[in-house]
Amino acid sequence: MPILLPELGVEVGRFSLWYVRPGEAVTAGDRVAEILIPGLTIDVAAPADGVLRERLALPGDVVHSGQSLGLIEPPADP
């Protein structure tokens, strides 16, 4: 499942940092990344429970509304 940059009222922001590493478990709503837009710092939340599989955006990258920042893999069935 993609972690999408939400619509923020501006088209472009700058990716700042990841709060989680690939392989780390996340819960829906957890803060996973930070985006900078003029005058604001925005936290991006995990859209679902799972494990961060891949980072698609890196610190310093210019990112656009709706862009996929990373991928979450569903949790393994017990």
Protein backbone atom coordinates (compact mmCIF):
# COMPACT_ATOMS: atom_id res chain seq x y z
CA MET A 1 0.00 0.00 0.00
CA PRO A 2 1.45 3.38 -0.95
CA ILE A 3 2.09 6.18 1.53
CA LEU A 4 0.75 9.16 -0.39
CA LEU A 5 1.52 12.82 0.14
CA PRO A 6 -1.87 14.30 1.03
CA GLU A 7 -3.40 17.26 -0.78
CA LEU A 8 -2.03 20.21 1.19
CA GLY A 9 -3.38 23.16 -0.75
CA VAL A 10 -0.01 23.54 -2.48
CA GLU A 11 1.37 21.48 -5.33
CA VAL A 12 4.95 21.03 -4.15
CA GLY A 13 6.83 20.44 -0.92
CA ARG A 14 10.25 19.19 0.14
CA PHE A 15 10.67 15.79 1.75
CA SER A 16 12.41 16.29 5.09
CA LEU A 17 12.81 12.99 6.94
CA TRP A 18 11.57 9.49 7.70
CA TYR A 19 10.56 8.62 11.26
CA VAL A 20 10.73 4.86 10.52
CA ARG A 21 13.22 2.59 8.80
CA PRO A 22 12.48 -0.09 6.20
CA GLY A 23 11.44 -3.25 8.01
CA GLU A 24 9.87 -1.38 10.95
CA ALA A 25 6.25 -2.07 11.86
CA VAL A 26 3.77 0.81 11.74
CA THR A 27 0.17 1.23 12.83
CA ALA A 28 -2.40 3.18 10.81
CA GLY A 29 -2.12 6.83 11.85
CA ASP A 30 1.51 6.59 13.04
CA ARG A 31 3.72 9.49 12.00
CA VAL A 32 6.06 8.07 9.34
CA ALA A 33 7.51 11.06 7.47
CA GLU A 34 7.88 14.84 7.49
CA ILE A 35 7.29 17.26 4.61
CA LEU A 36 8.24 20.93 4.49
CA ILE A 37 6.10 23.44 2.64
CA PRO A 38 6.55 27.20 2.83
CA GLY A 39 5.84 28.19 6.42
CA LEU A 40 4.73 24.71 7.58
CA THR A 41 6.05 21.33 8.62
CA ILE A 42 3.60 18.51 7.86
CA ASP A 43 3.66 15.01 9.33
CA VAL A 44 2.55 12.19 7.03
CA ALA A 45 0.70 9.28 8.67
CA ALA A 46 0.76 5.59 7.83
CA PRO A 47 -2.42 4.74 5.90
CA ALA A 48 -2.61 1.20 7.30
CA ASP A 49 -1.00 -1.28 9.68
CA GLY A 50 2.03 -3.06 8.25
CA VAL A 51 5.77 -2.85 7.71
CA LEU A 52 7.59 -0.09 5.84
CA ARG A 53 8.87 -1.99 2.84
CA GLU A 54 10.43 0.75 0.72
CA ARG A 55 11.26 4.45 0.83
CA LEU A 56 10.53 6.14 -2.49
CA ALA A 57 11.32 9.71 -1.36
CA LEU A 58 14.57 10.82 0.23
CA PRO A 59 15.44 13.90 2.31
CA GLY A 60 15.72 16.93 0.05
CA ASP A 61 13.50 15.51 -2.71
CA VAL A 62 10.83 17.78 -4.18
CA VAL A 63 7.50 15.99 -3.74
CA HIS A 64 4.07 16.64 -5.22
CA SER A 65 0.55 16.25 -3.83
CA GLY A 66 -0.63 12.67 -4.36
CA GLN A 67 2.91 11.33 -4.89
CA SER A 68 3.84 7.98 -3.36
CA LEU A 69 6.51 8.51 -0.68
CA GLY A 70 6.93 4.89 0.35
CA LEU A 71 5.31 1.46 0.45
CA ILE A 72 3.77 -0.41 3.37
CA GLU A 73 3.47 -4.17 3.25
CA PRO A 74 0.50 -5.66 5.13
CA PRO A 75 1.40 -7.44 8.38
CA ALA A 76 2.06 -11.16 8.09
CA ASP A 77 -0.81 -13.41 9.14
CA PRO A 78 -0.13 -15.12 12.48
